[in-house]
Amino acid sequence: MSDATPRSFYAERIPTQFDRTLDAQEAAGEEGARVLEDLRKVNATLRIVVEGEGGGTFNLNIAQGRMTADAEAQHEPFLTISHDLAAFEVLERESGDSALGFLGGLAGMAEEIKLTQSRLDNLAGLEGALRFSVTGDDAFTLLAHFGGGEVAREPKCAISIESETYRDLRSGELNSQDAFMGGKIDIEGDMQMAMQLALAALSPD
């Protein structure tokens, strides 16, 4: 069992892994210059809320593509993710050495998802909350609120997948389109919101 806490995970591990992606893009030299420029354009805040004793609120501020965890948000959060401590245990374990890889898995990608300015621009039109649930073994649920203002408690859209499907998405054995067409991703509510999120996440870097 890991001894990680929400603070050590979100305030330390996530920023370190996030910056590692930028360092790797810098090391790619001329071949990675275009994506590197897009990463460096990002000045934004991602907020994490872990509910329950031992949780807390973590403002992950990104300045010119590098992330720090701070007491205050430097920008109005473009995304607020909230979950409880039980979900945290699963999220921390599943992330391994790449939290960005975990986020990529949620988006149906078998690789890390890069937070470029182009991807942020694609997310800009999303507003309101989306509930994402993995059912079965290691089940968890999180609420993702897009846009500023008060965080909505009731989701406009709910996405649910079984744990086996999630693992296949993470491993690359299954892509998100095939999972959706095969009825392995259950979507309720605002279908347009789900499709817009998928297009933003799966857009090329």
N, C-alpha and C. Protein backbone atom coordinates (compact mmCIF):
# COMPACT_ATOMS: atom_id res chain seq x y z
N MET A 1 0.84 -1.20 0.00
CA MET A 1 0.00 0.00 0.00
C MET A 1 0.88 1.25 0.00
N SER A 2 0.59 2.20 -0.83
CA SER A 2 1.39 3.41 -0.95
C SER A 2 1.18 4.29 0.27
N ASP A 3 2.24 5.03 0.65
CA ASP A 3 2.12 5.97 1.75
C ASP A 3 1.89 7.39 1.22
N ALA A 4 1.54 7.51 -0.06
CA ALA A 4 1.29 8.83 -0.65
C ALA A 4 0.05 9.46 -0.02
N THR A 5 0.08 10.77 0.10
CA THR A 5 -1.06 11.53 0.57
C THR A 5 -1.53 12.44 -0.57
N PRO A 6 -2.74 12.98 -0.47
CA PRO A 6 -3.16 13.93 -1.50
C PRO A 6 -2.16 15.07 -1.68
N ARG A 7 -1.57 15.56 -0.58
CA ARG A 7 -0.61 16.66 -0.70
C ARG A 7 0.66 16.22 -1.42
N SER A 8 1.21 15.07 -1.05
CA SER A 8 2.45 14.63 -1.70
C SER A 8 2.20 14.31 -3.17
N PHE A 9 0.99 13.85 -3.49
CA PHE A 9 0.67 13.49 -4.87
C PHE A 9 0.43 14.73 -5.73
N TYR A 10 -0.50 15.58 -5.27
CA TYR A 10 -0.90 16.71 -6.10
C TYR A 10 0.06 17.91 -6.00
N ALA A 11 0.66 18.12 -4.85
CA ALA A 11 1.54 19.28 -4.69
C ALA A 11 2.98 18.99 -5.06
N GLU A 12 3.36 17.70 -5.11
CA GLU A 12 4.75 17.36 -5.41
C GLU A 12 4.88 16.49 -6.66
N ARG A 13 4.24 15.33 -6.65
CA ARG A 13 4.45 14.40 -7.76
C ARG A 13 3.90 14.93 -9.08
N ILE A 14 2.67 15.46 -9.05
CA ILE A 14 2.07 15.93 -10.30
C ILE A 14 2.89 17.05 -10.95
N PRO A 15 3.28 18.12 -10.20
CA PRO A 15 4.11 19.15 -10.84
C PRO A 15 5.43 18.61 -11.38
N THR A 16 6.06 17.69 -10.64
CA THR A 16 7.32 17.11 -11.10
C THR A 16 7.14 16.36 -12.41
N GLN A 17 6.09 15.55 -12.48
CA GLN A 17 5.83 14.79 -13.70
C GLN A 17 5.42 15.71 -14.85
N PHE A 18 4.67 16.74 -14.54
CA PHE A 18 4.24 17.69 -15.56
C PHE A 18 5.45 18.38 -16.18
N ASP A 19 6.36 18.85 -15.34
CA ASP A 19 7.55 19.53 -15.85
C ASP A 19 8.48 18.58 -16.59
N ARG A 20 8.45 17.31 -16.21
CA ARG A 20 9.28 16.32 -16.89
C ARG A 20 8.87 16.20 -18.36
N THR A 21 7.58 16.33 -18.62
CA THR A 21 7.10 16.28 -20.00
C THR A 21 7.66 17.45 -20.81
N LEU A 22 7.70 18.64 -20.18
CA LEU A 22 8.27 19.80 -20.88
C LEU A 22 9.77 19.60 -21.12
N ASP A 23 10.47 19.06 -20.13
CA ASP A 23 11.90 18.80 -20.29
C ASP A 23 12.16 17.83 -21.44
N ALA A 24 11.32 16.79 -21.54
CA ALA A 24 11.48 15.81 -22.61
C ALA A 24 11.24 16.45 -23.97
N GLN A 25 10.29 17.38 -24.02
CA GLN A 25 10.00 18.06 -25.29
C GLN A 25 11.17 18.97 -25.66
N GLU A 26 11.78 19.61 -24.68
CA GLU A 26 12.97 20.43 -24.94
C GLU A 26 14.12 19.58 -25.46
N ALA A 27 14.27 18.39 -24.90
CA ALA A 27 15.36 17.50 -25.30
C ALA A 27 15.18 16.98 -26.72
N ALA A 28 13.95 17.04 -27.23
CA ALA A 28 13.68 16.55 -28.59
C ALA A 28 14.26 17.47 -29.65
N GLY A 29 14.67 18.67 -29.23
CA GLY A 29 15.32 19.60 -30.16
C GLY A 29 14.37 20.11 -31.23
N GLU A 30 14.91 20.26 -32.44
CA GLU A 30 14.14 20.85 -33.53
C GLU A 30 12.90 20.03 -33.86
N GLU A 31 12.99 18.72 -33.70
CA GLU A 31 11.88 17.83 -34.03
C GLU A 31 10.65 18.13 -33.16
N GLY A 32 10.89 18.53 -31.91
CA GLY A 32 9.77 18.79 -31.01
C GLY A 32 9.51 20.26 -30.79
N ALA A 33 10.08 21.13 -31.61
CA ALA A 33 10.01 22.57 -31.38
C ALA A 33 8.58 23.12 -31.45
N ARG A 34 7.79 22.63 -32.37
CA ARG A 34 6.43 23.17 -32.53
C ARG A 34 5.58 22.88 -31.29
N VAL A 35 5.63 21.63 -30.82
CA VAL A 35 4.85 21.27 -29.63
C VAL A 35 5.40 21.98 -28.41
N LEU A 36 6.73 22.12 -28.32
CA LEU A 36 7.34 22.82 -27.20
C LEU A 36 6.84 24.26 -27.13
N GLU A 37 6.76 24.92 -28.24
CA GLU A 37 6.25 26.29 -28.28
C GLU A 37 4.81 26.35 -27.78
N ASP A 38 4.00 25.35 -28.17
CA ASP A 38 2.60 25.31 -27.75
C ASP A 38 2.48 25.03 -26.25
N LEU A 39 3.38 24.21 -25.70
CA LEU A 39 3.39 23.94 -24.27
C LEU A 39 3.77 25.18 -23.48
N ARG A 40 4.73 25.93 -23.98
CA ARG A 40 5.21 27.12 -23.28
C ARG A 40 4.21 28.28 -23.30
N LYS A 41 3.22 28.19 -24.15
CA LYS A 41 2.20 29.24 -24.21
C LYS A 41 1.18 29.13 -23.07
N VAL A 42 1.20 28.01 -22.36
CA VAL A 42 0.16 27.76 -21.36
C VAL A 42 0.42 28.54 -20.08
N ASN A 43 -0.54 29.36 -19.72
CA ASN A 43 -0.58 30.06 -18.44
C ASN A 43 -1.99 29.87 -17.90
N ALA A 44 -2.15 28.96 -16.98
CA ALA A 44 -3.49 28.54 -16.56
C ALA A 44 -3.43 27.89 -15.19
N THR A 45 -4.60 27.62 -14.63
CA THR A 45 -4.70 26.94 -13.33
C THR A 45 -5.66 25.76 -13.41
N LEU A 46 -5.19 24.64 -12.90
CA LEU A 46 -5.99 23.44 -12.73
C LEU A 46 -6.20 23.25 -11.22
N ARG A 47 -7.44 23.14 -10.80
CA ARG A 47 -7.72 23.00 -9.36
C ARG A 47 -8.18 21.58 -9.05
N ILE A 48 -7.62 21.02 -7.97
CA ILE A 48 -8.00 19.70 -7.49
C ILE A 48 -8.60 19.84 -6.10
N VAL A 49 -9.75 19.24 -5.88
CA VAL A 49 -10.39 19.24 -4.57
C VAL A 49 -10.55 17.79 -4.12
N VAL A 50 -9.87 17.44 -3.02
CA VAL A 50 -10.00 16.10 -2.44
C VAL A 50 -10.85 16.23 -1.18
N GLU A 51 -12.02 15.62 -1.21
CA GLU A 51 -12.97 15.76 -0.12
C GLU A 51 -12.69 14.76 0.99
N GLY A 52 -12.91 15.20 2.23
CA GLY A 52 -12.72 14.32 3.38
C GLY A 52 -11.49 14.69 4.19
N GLU A 53 -11.42 14.13 5.39
CA GLU A 53 -10.29 14.41 6.28
C GLU A 53 -8.99 13.94 5.65
N GLY A 54 -7.99 14.83 5.63
CA GLY A 54 -6.72 14.51 4.99
C GLY A 54 -6.65 14.95 3.54
N GLY A 55 -7.77 15.49 3.05
CA GLY A 55 -7.80 15.98 1.67
C GLY A 55 -7.36 17.43 1.61
N GLY A 56 -8.01 18.20 0.76
CA GLY A 56 -7.66 19.61 0.63
C GLY A 56 -7.87 20.10 -0.78
N THR A 57 -7.55 21.37 -0.97
CA THR A 57 -7.65 22.01 -2.29
C THR A 57 -6.26 22.35 -2.79
N PHE A 58 -5.97 21.99 -4.03
CA PHE A 58 -4.63 22.17 -4.60
C PHE A 58 -4.76 22.96 -5.91
N ASN A 59 -4.17 24.14 -5.91
CA ASN A 59 -4.16 24.98 -7.10
C ASN A 59 -2.86 24.71 -7.87
N LEU A 60 -2.98 24.07 -9.00
CA LEU A 60 -1.83 23.75 -9.83
C LEU A 60 -1.71 24.82 -10.90
N ASN A 61 -0.82 25.77 -10.63
CA ASN A 61 -0.64 26.91 -11.52
C ASN A 61 0.43 26.60 -12.56
N ILE A 62 0.11 26.90 -13.80
CA ILE A 62 1.03 26.66 -14.91
C ILE A 62 1.44 28.00 -15.50
N ALA A 63 2.75 28.24 -15.53
CA ALA A 63 3.29 29.49 -16.08
C ALA A 63 4.33 29.13 -17.13
N GLN A 64 4.04 29.52 -18.36
CA GLN A 64 4.92 29.23 -19.49
C GLN A 64 5.25 27.74 -19.56
N GLY A 65 4.23 26.94 -19.29
CA GLY A 65 4.37 25.49 -19.46
C GLY A 65 4.91 24.74 -18.27
N ARG A 66 5.27 25.45 -17.17
CA ARG A 66 5.77 24.76 -15.98
C ARG A 66 4.78 24.92 -14.84
N MET A 67 4.68 23.87 -14.02
CA MET A 67 3.65 23.80 -12.99
C MET A 67 4.21 23.94 -11.59
N THR A 68 3.48 24.68 -10.76
CA THR A 68 3.75 24.75 -9.33
C THR A 68 2.43 24.58 -8.58
N ALA A 69 2.50 24.05 -7.38
CA ALA A 69 1.32 23.94 -6.53
C ALA A 69 1.36 25.08 -5.52
N ASP A 70 0.32 25.90 -5.49
CA ASP A 70 0.31 27.10 -4.67
C ASP A 70 -0.98 27.18 -3.85
N ALA A 71 -0.92 28.02 -2.81
CA ALA A 71 -2.10 28.21 -1.97
C ALA A 71 -3.21 28.92 -2.72
N GLU A 72 -2.85 29.81 -3.63
CA GLU A 72 -3.84 30.59 -4.36
C GLU A 72 -3.76 30.28 -5.86
N ALA A 73 -4.90 30.40 -6.51
CA ALA A 73 -4.95 30.24 -7.97
C ALA A 73 -4.46 31.52 -8.64
N GLN A 74 -3.58 31.39 -9.59
CA GLN A 74 -3.08 32.56 -10.33
C GLN A 74 -4.00 32.93 -11.48
N HIS A 75 -4.88 32.02 -11.85
CA HIS A 75 -5.85 32.25 -12.92
C HIS A 75 -7.17 31.61 -12.48
N GLU A 76 -8.26 32.04 -13.08
CA GLU A 76 -9.50 31.33 -12.84
C GLU A 76 -9.35 29.92 -13.40
N PRO A 77 -9.56 28.88 -12.58
CA PRO A 77 -9.32 27.52 -13.06
C PRO A 77 -10.12 27.19 -14.33
N PHE A 78 -9.44 26.60 -15.30
CA PHE A 78 -10.13 26.15 -16.50
C PHE A 78 -10.81 24.81 -16.24
N LEU A 79 -10.34 24.12 -15.19
CA LEU A 79 -10.89 22.82 -14.84
C LEU A 79 -10.72 22.59 -13.35
N THR A 80 -11.78 22.16 -12.69
CA THR A 80 -11.73 21.76 -11.29
C THR A 80 -12.14 20.30 -11.20
N ILE A 81 -11.26 19.47 -10.65
CA ILE A 81 -11.55 18.04 -10.49
C ILE A 81 -11.74 17.77 -9.01
N SER A 82 -12.86 17.17 -8.65
CA SER A 82 -13.10 16.83 -7.26
C SER A 82 -13.41 15.35 -7.12
N HIS A 83 -12.93 14.78 -6.01
CA HIS A 83 -13.17 13.36 -5.71
C HIS A 83 -12.92 13.14 -4.23
N ASP A 84 -13.29 11.97 -3.73
CA ASP A 84 -13.10 11.68 -2.32
C ASP A 84 -11.80 10.91 -2.12
N LEU A 85 -11.52 10.56 -0.84
CA LEU A 85 -10.27 9.90 -0.50
C LEU A 85 -10.20 8.48 -1.06
N ALA A 86 -11.34 7.81 -1.11
CA ALA A 86 -11.35 6.46 -1.67
C ALA A 86 -10.94 6.48 -3.14
N ALA A 87 -11.45 7.46 -3.88
CA ALA A 87 -11.07 7.60 -5.28
C ALA A 87 -9.60 7.97 -5.41
N PHE A 88 -9.10 8.79 -4.48
CA PHE A 88 -7.69 9.18 -4.53
C PHE A 88 -6.79 7.95 -4.47
N GLU A 89 -7.11 7.00 -3.61
CA GLU A 89 -6.26 5.81 -3.48
C GLU A 89 -6.14 5.07 -4.81
N VAL A 90 -7.25 4.98 -5.54
CA VAL A 90 -7.23 4.30 -6.84
C VAL A 90 -6.47 5.15 -7.85
N LEU A 91 -6.74 6.45 -7.89
CA LEU A 91 -6.09 7.34 -8.84
C LEU A 91 -4.58 7.34 -8.65
N GLU A 92 -4.15 7.40 -7.42
CA GLU A 92 -2.70 7.43 -7.13
C GLU A 92 -2.05 6.13 -7.55
N ARG A 93 -2.70 5.01 -7.28
CA ARG A 93 -2.13 3.72 -7.64
C ARG A 93 -2.10 3.52 -9.15
N GLU A 94 -3.17 3.91 -9.83
CA GLU A 94 -3.26 3.72 -11.26
C GLU A 94 -2.31 4.62 -12.04
N SER A 95 -1.96 5.77 -11.47
CA SER A 95 -1.14 6.73 -12.21
C SER A 95 0.28 6.25 -12.40
N GLY A 96 0.79 5.37 -11.49
CA GLY A 96 2.16 4.92 -11.61
C GLY A 96 3.12 6.08 -11.60
N ASP A 97 4.04 6.10 -12.57
CA ASP A 97 5.01 7.19 -12.61
C ASP A 97 4.59 8.27 -13.61
N SER A 98 3.32 8.22 -14.04
CA SER A 98 2.87 9.21 -15.00
C SER A 98 1.41 9.55 -14.79
N ALA A 99 1.16 10.62 -14.04
CA ALA A 99 -0.21 11.08 -13.86
C ALA A 99 -0.79 11.56 -15.18
N LEU A 100 0.06 12.11 -16.06
CA LEU A 100 -0.43 12.55 -17.36
C LEU A 100 -0.82 11.36 -18.22
N GLY A 101 -0.15 10.24 -18.00
CA GLY A 101 -0.55 9.01 -18.67
C GLY A 101 -1.90 8.54 -18.18
N PHE A 102 -2.16 8.71 -16.89
CA PHE A 102 -3.47 8.36 -16.34
C PHE A 102 -4.55 9.22 -16.99
N LEU A 103 -4.30 10.53 -17.09
CA LEU A 103 -5.28 11.42 -17.73
C LEU A 103 -5.49 11.03 -19.18
N GLY A 104 -4.41 10.61 -19.83
CA GLY A 104 -4.54 10.14 -21.20
C GLY A 104 -5.44 8.92 -21.28
N GLY A 105 -5.33 8.04 -20.28
CA GLY A 105 -6.18 6.86 -20.24
C GLY A 105 -7.64 7.22 -20.10
N LEU A 106 -7.93 8.24 -19.29
CA LEU A 106 -9.31 8.69 -19.15
C LEU A 106 -9.85 9.21 -20.47
N ALA A 107 -8.96 9.76 -21.29
CA ALA A 107 -9.37 10.31 -22.58
C ALA A 107 -9.34 9.26 -23.68
N GLY A 108 -8.97 8.03 -23.31
CA GLY A 108 -8.94 6.96 -24.30
C GLY A 108 -7.63 6.89 -25.06
N MET A 109 -6.57 7.43 -24.47
CA MET A 109 -5.26 7.44 -25.12
C MET A 109 -4.31 6.53 -24.36
N ALA A 110 -3.49 5.78 -25.07
CA ALA A 110 -2.51 4.91 -24.43
C ALA A 110 -1.17 5.63 -24.31
N GLU A 111 -1.23 6.88 -23.95
CA GLU A 111 -0.02 7.69 -23.83
C GLU A 111 -0.33 8.92 -22.99
N GLU A 112 0.73 9.64 -22.62
CA GLU A 112 0.54 10.87 -21.86
C GLU A 112 -0.21 11.90 -22.69
N ILE A 113 -1.04 12.67 -22.03
CA ILE A 113 -1.74 13.76 -22.70
C ILE A 113 -1.00 15.05 -22.40
N LYS A 114 -0.63 15.78 -23.42
CA LYS A 114 0.13 17.03 -23.25
C LYS A 114 -0.85 18.19 -23.15
N LEU A 115 -0.64 19.05 -22.16
CA LEU A 115 -1.52 20.20 -21.99
C LEU A 115 -0.94 21.37 -22.77
N THR A 116 -1.26 21.42 -24.05
CA THR A 116 -0.81 22.50 -24.92
C THR A 116 -1.85 23.61 -24.94
N GLN A 117 -1.44 24.80 -25.41
CA GLN A 117 -2.38 25.90 -25.52
C GLN A 117 -3.47 25.58 -26.53
N SER A 118 -3.13 24.87 -27.57
CA SER A 118 -4.13 24.47 -28.57
C SER A 118 -5.20 23.59 -27.95
N ARG A 119 -4.78 22.67 -27.08
CA ARG A 119 -5.76 21.79 -26.42
C ARG A 119 -6.61 22.60 -25.45
N LEU A 120 -6.00 23.54 -24.74
CA LEU A 120 -6.77 24.41 -23.84
C LEU A 120 -7.80 25.23 -24.63
N ASP A 121 -7.40 25.72 -25.77
CA ASP A 121 -8.32 26.49 -26.61
C ASP A 121 -9.52 25.62 -27.01
N ASN A 122 -9.27 24.36 -27.30
CA ASN A 122 -10.34 23.45 -27.68
C ASN A 122 -11.29 23.16 -26.51
N LEU A 123 -10.76 23.26 -25.28
CA LEU A 123 -11.58 23.02 -24.09
C LEU A 123 -12.34 24.26 -23.65
N ALA A 124 -11.97 25.42 -24.21
CA ALA A 124 -12.50 26.69 -23.72
C ALA A 124 -14.02 26.78 -23.83
N GLY A 125 -14.61 26.11 -24.77
CA GLY A 125 -16.06 26.21 -24.94
C GLY A 125 -16.86 25.33 -24.00
N LEU A 126 -16.17 24.47 -23.24
CA LEU A 126 -16.88 23.58 -22.32
C LEU A 126 -17.24 24.32 -21.04
N GLU A 127 -18.46 24.16 -20.59
CA GLU A 127 -18.91 24.74 -19.33
C GLU A 127 -19.79 23.74 -18.59
N GLY A 128 -19.65 23.71 -17.28
CA GLY A 128 -20.46 22.81 -16.47
C GLY A 128 -19.68 21.57 -16.05
N ALA A 129 -20.39 20.67 -15.39
CA ALA A 129 -19.75 19.52 -14.77
C ALA A 129 -20.03 18.22 -15.53
N LEU A 130 -19.03 17.35 -15.46
CA LEU A 130 -19.12 16.02 -16.04
C LEU A 130 -18.69 15.02 -14.97
N ARG A 131 -19.47 13.96 -14.80
CA ARG A 131 -19.11 12.91 -13.84
C ARG A 131 -18.52 11.73 -14.60
N PHE A 132 -17.35 11.29 -14.16
CA PHE A 132 -16.67 10.17 -14.80
C PHE A 132 -16.56 9.05 -13.77
N SER A 133 -17.03 7.85 -14.14
CA SER A 133 -17.02 6.72 -13.21
C SER A 133 -16.42 5.49 -13.88
N VAL A 134 -15.59 4.80 -13.12
CA VAL A 134 -15.11 3.47 -13.50
C VAL A 134 -15.77 2.49 -12.55
N THR A 135 -16.42 1.48 -13.09
CA THR A 135 -17.16 0.52 -12.27
C THR A 135 -16.42 -0.82 -12.22
N GLY A 136 -16.82 -1.65 -11.27
CA GLY A 136 -16.17 -2.95 -11.13
C GLY A 136 -15.01 -2.89 -10.18
N ASP A 137 -13.96 -3.67 -10.45
CA ASP A 137 -12.78 -3.67 -9.60
C ASP A 137 -12.14 -2.29 -9.60
N ASP A 138 -11.67 -1.85 -8.42
CA ASP A 138 -11.03 -0.53 -8.29
C ASP A 138 -11.92 0.59 -8.82
N ALA A 139 -13.19 0.53 -8.49
CA ALA A 139 -14.14 1.55 -8.94
C ALA A 139 -13.82 2.90 -8.32
N PHE A 140 -14.09 3.94 -9.06
CA PHE A 140 -13.95 5.30 -8.53
C PHE A 140 -14.80 6.24 -9.35
N THR A 141 -15.08 7.40 -8.78
CA THR A 141 -15.85 8.44 -9.45
C THR A 141 -15.20 9.78 -9.19
N LEU A 142 -15.16 10.62 -10.21
CA LEU A 142 -14.70 11.99 -10.02
C LEU A 142 -15.63 12.92 -10.78
N LEU A 143 -15.63 14.17 -10.33
CA LEU A 143 -16.44 15.20 -10.96
C LEU A 143 -15.51 16.24 -11.57
N ALA A 144 -15.67 16.52 -12.84
CA ALA A 144 -14.84 17.50 -13.54
C ALA A 144 -15.70 18.68 -13.94
N HIS A 145 -15.37 19.86 -13.41
CA HIS A 145 -16.12 21.08 -13.73
C HIS A 145 -15.28 21.94 -14.66
N PHE A 146 -15.82 22.24 -15.82
CA PHE A 146 -15.10 23.04 -16.81
C PHE A 146 -15.57 24.48 -16.74
N GLY A 147 -14.62 25.40 -16.87
CA GLY A 147 -14.94 26.82 -16.85
C GLY A 147 -14.88 27.40 -15.46
N GLY A 148 -15.06 28.72 -15.40
CA GLY A 148 -14.97 29.41 -14.12
C GLY A 148 -16.29 29.40 -13.38
N GLY A 149 -16.35 30.23 -12.36
CA GLY A 149 -17.57 30.33 -11.57
C GLY A 149 -17.68 29.24 -10.54
N GLU A 150 -18.83 29.20 -9.88
CA GLU A 150 -19.07 28.21 -8.83
C GLU A 150 -19.12 26.80 -9.43
N VAL A 151 -18.46 25.88 -8.74
CA VAL A 151 -18.40 24.51 -9.23
C VAL A 151 -19.78 23.85 -9.11
N ALA A 152 -20.26 23.34 -10.23
CA ALA A 152 -21.57 22.68 -10.24
C ALA A 152 -21.48 21.33 -9.54
N ARG A 153 -22.48 21.03 -8.74
CA ARG A 153 -22.51 19.74 -8.05
C ARG A 153 -23.26 18.68 -8.85
N GLU A 154 -24.13 19.12 -9.73
CA GLU A 154 -24.88 18.17 -10.55
C GLU A 154 -24.30 18.18 -11.97
N PRO A 155 -23.91 17.04 -12.48
CA PRO A 155 -23.29 17.00 -13.81
C PRO A 155 -24.28 17.16 -14.94
N LYS A 156 -23.82 17.79 -16.01
CA LYS A 156 -24.61 17.86 -17.25
C LYS A 156 -24.50 16.55 -18.02
N CYS A 157 -23.41 15.84 -17.77
CA CYS A 157 -23.11 14.63 -18.52
C CYS A 157 -22.45 13.62 -17.58
N ALA A 158 -22.74 12.35 -17.75
CA ALA A 158 -22.14 11.30 -16.94
C ALA A 158 -21.57 10.23 -17.88
N ILE A 159 -20.31 9.89 -17.68
CA ILE A 159 -19.64 8.88 -18.48
C ILE A 159 -19.24 7.74 -17.55
N SER A 160 -19.56 6.51 -17.94
CA SER A 160 -19.25 5.36 -17.12
C SER A 160 -18.65 4.25 -17.98
N ILE A 161 -17.57 3.66 -17.48
CA ILE A 161 -16.96 2.52 -18.16
C ILE A 161 -16.57 1.48 -17.13
N GLU A 162 -16.52 0.23 -17.54
CA GLU A 162 -16.08 -0.84 -16.65
C GLU A 162 -14.56 -0.81 -16.53
N SER A 163 -14.07 -1.32 -15.41
CA SER A 163 -12.63 -1.27 -15.15
C SER A 163 -11.82 -2.01 -16.21
N GLU A 164 -12.36 -3.11 -16.73
CA GLU A 164 -11.65 -3.86 -17.77
C GLU A 164 -11.49 -3.02 -19.04
N THR A 165 -12.55 -2.29 -19.40
CA THR A 165 -12.48 -1.41 -20.57
C THR A 165 -11.47 -0.31 -20.35
N TYR A 166 -11.46 0.27 -19.15
CA TYR A 166 -10.50 1.32 -18.84
C TYR A 166 -9.07 0.81 -19.00
N ARG A 167 -8.80 -0.40 -18.49
CA ARG A 167 -7.44 -0.95 -18.59
C ARG A 167 -7.06 -1.18 -20.05
N ASP A 168 -8.02 -1.62 -20.86
CA ASP A 168 -7.74 -1.82 -22.28
C ASP A 168 -7.45 -0.49 -22.99
N LEU A 169 -8.16 0.58 -22.57
CA LEU A 169 -7.88 1.90 -23.13
C LEU A 169 -6.48 2.36 -22.74
N ARG A 170 -6.12 2.15 -21.49
CA ARG A 170 -4.80 2.57 -21.01
C ARG A 170 -3.68 1.81 -21.70
N SER A 171 -3.89 0.52 -21.95
CA SER A 171 -2.83 -0.30 -22.54
C SER A 171 -2.71 -0.10 -24.05
N GLY A 172 -3.74 0.50 -24.65
CA GLY A 172 -3.73 0.67 -26.10
C GLY A 172 -4.35 -0.48 -26.85
N GLU A 173 -4.85 -1.49 -26.13
CA GLU A 173 -5.51 -2.61 -26.79
C GLU A 173 -6.85 -2.21 -27.38
N LEU A 174 -7.40 -1.09 -26.89
CA LEU A 174 -8.70 -0.62 -27.35
C LEU A 174 -8.64 0.89 -27.50
N ASN A 175 -9.16 1.42 -28.61
CA ASN A 175 -9.22 2.87 -28.74
C ASN A 175 -10.61 3.35 -28.37
N SER A 176 -10.71 4.63 -28.05
CA SER A 176 -11.96 5.18 -27.52
C SER A 176 -13.11 5.08 -28.52
N GLN A 177 -12.82 5.24 -29.82
CA GLN A 177 -13.88 5.16 -30.82
C GLN A 177 -14.48 3.77 -30.87
N ASP A 178 -13.61 2.75 -30.87
CA ASP A 178 -14.11 1.37 -30.89
C ASP A 178 -14.87 1.05 -29.61
N ALA A 179 -14.39 1.59 -28.48
CA ALA A 179 -15.07 1.35 -27.20
C ALA A 179 -16.47 1.95 -27.23
N PHE A 180 -16.57 3.16 -27.76
CA PHE A 180 -17.87 3.82 -27.83
C PHE A 180 -18.81 3.10 -28.79
N MET A 181 -18.30 2.78 -29.99
CA MET A 181 -19.14 2.12 -30.98
C MET A 181 -19.55 0.72 -30.51
N GLY A 182 -18.71 0.11 -29.67
CA GLY A 182 -19.02 -1.22 -29.17
C GLY A 182 -19.88 -1.22 -27.93
N GLY A 183 -20.34 -0.05 -27.52
CA GLY A 183 -21.21 0.04 -26.37
C GLY A 183 -20.52 -0.13 -25.03
N LYS A 184 -19.20 0.05 -25.01
CA LYS A 184 -18.45 -0.14 -23.77
C LYS A 184 -18.27 1.15 -22.98
N ILE A 185 -18.71 2.26 -23.54
CA ILE A 185 -18.71 3.55 -22.84
C ILE A 185 -20.15 4.02 -22.74
N ASP A 186 -20.63 4.17 -21.53
CA ASP A 186 -22.02 4.59 -21.30
C ASP A 186 -22.05 6.09 -21.05
N ILE A 187 -22.81 6.81 -21.86
CA ILE A 187 -22.92 8.27 -21.73
C ILE A 187 -24.37 8.64 -21.51
N GLU A 188 -24.60 9.42 -20.46
CA GLU A 188 -25.94 9.91 -20.17
C GLU A 188 -25.91 11.43 -20.09
N GLY A 189 -26.99 12.06 -20.51
CA GLY A 189 -27.08 13.52 -20.42
C GLY A 189 -26.60 14.19 -21.69
N ASP A 190 -25.80 15.23 -21.54
CA ASP A 190 -25.39 16.09 -22.64
C ASP A 190 -24.33 15.40 -23.51
N MET A 191 -24.79 14.74 -24.57
CA MET A 191 -23.88 14.02 -25.47
C MET A 191 -22.91 14.98 -26.16
N GLN A 192 -23.37 16.18 -26.47
CA GLN A 192 -22.52 17.16 -27.14
C GLN A 192 -21.31 17.50 -26.28
N MET A 193 -21.51 17.61 -24.97
CA MET A 193 -20.41 17.90 -24.06
C MET A 193 -19.37 16.78 -24.09
N ALA A 194 -19.84 15.55 -24.07
CA ALA A 194 -18.93 14.40 -24.11
C ALA A 194 -18.14 14.38 -25.41
N MET A 195 -18.79 14.67 -26.53
CA MET A 195 -18.12 14.64 -27.82
C MET A 195 -17.11 15.78 -27.92
N GLN A 196 -17.46 16.96 -27.41
CA GLN A 196 -16.54 18.09 -27.45
C GLN A 196 -15.30 17.81 -26.62
N LEU A 197 -15.50 17.18 -25.45
CA LEU A 197 -14.36 16.82 -24.61
C LEU A 197 -13.47 15.81 -25.31
N ALA A 198 -14.08 14.81 -25.93
CA ALA A 198 -13.31 13.79 -26.64
C ALA A 198 -12.51 14.39 -27.78
N LEU A 199 -13.11 15.29 -28.54
CA LEU A 199 -12.41 15.92 -29.66
C LEU A 199 -11.24 16.76 -29.17
N ALA A 200 -11.43 17.45 -28.05
CA ALA A 200 -10.34 18.27 -27.50
C ALA A 200 -9.20 17.41 -27.00
N ALA A 201 -9.54 16.34 -26.30
CA ALA A 201 -8.51 15.47 -25.73
C ALA A 201 -7.75 14.73 -26.80
N LEU A 202 -8.46 14.28 -27.83
CA LEU A 202 -7.83 13.43 -28.86
C LEU A 202 -7.27 14.25 -30.02
N SER A 203 -7.39 15.57 -29.97
CA SER A 203 -6.80 16.38 -31.04
C SER A 203 -5.28 16.22 -31.03
N PRO A 204 -4.64 16.24 -32.19
CA PRO A 204 -3.19 16.04 -32.24
C PRO A 204 -2.45 17.16 -31.53
N ASP A 205 -1.29 16.82 -30.96
CA ASP A 205 -0.47 17.82 -30.28
C ASP A 205 0.06 18.86 -31.25
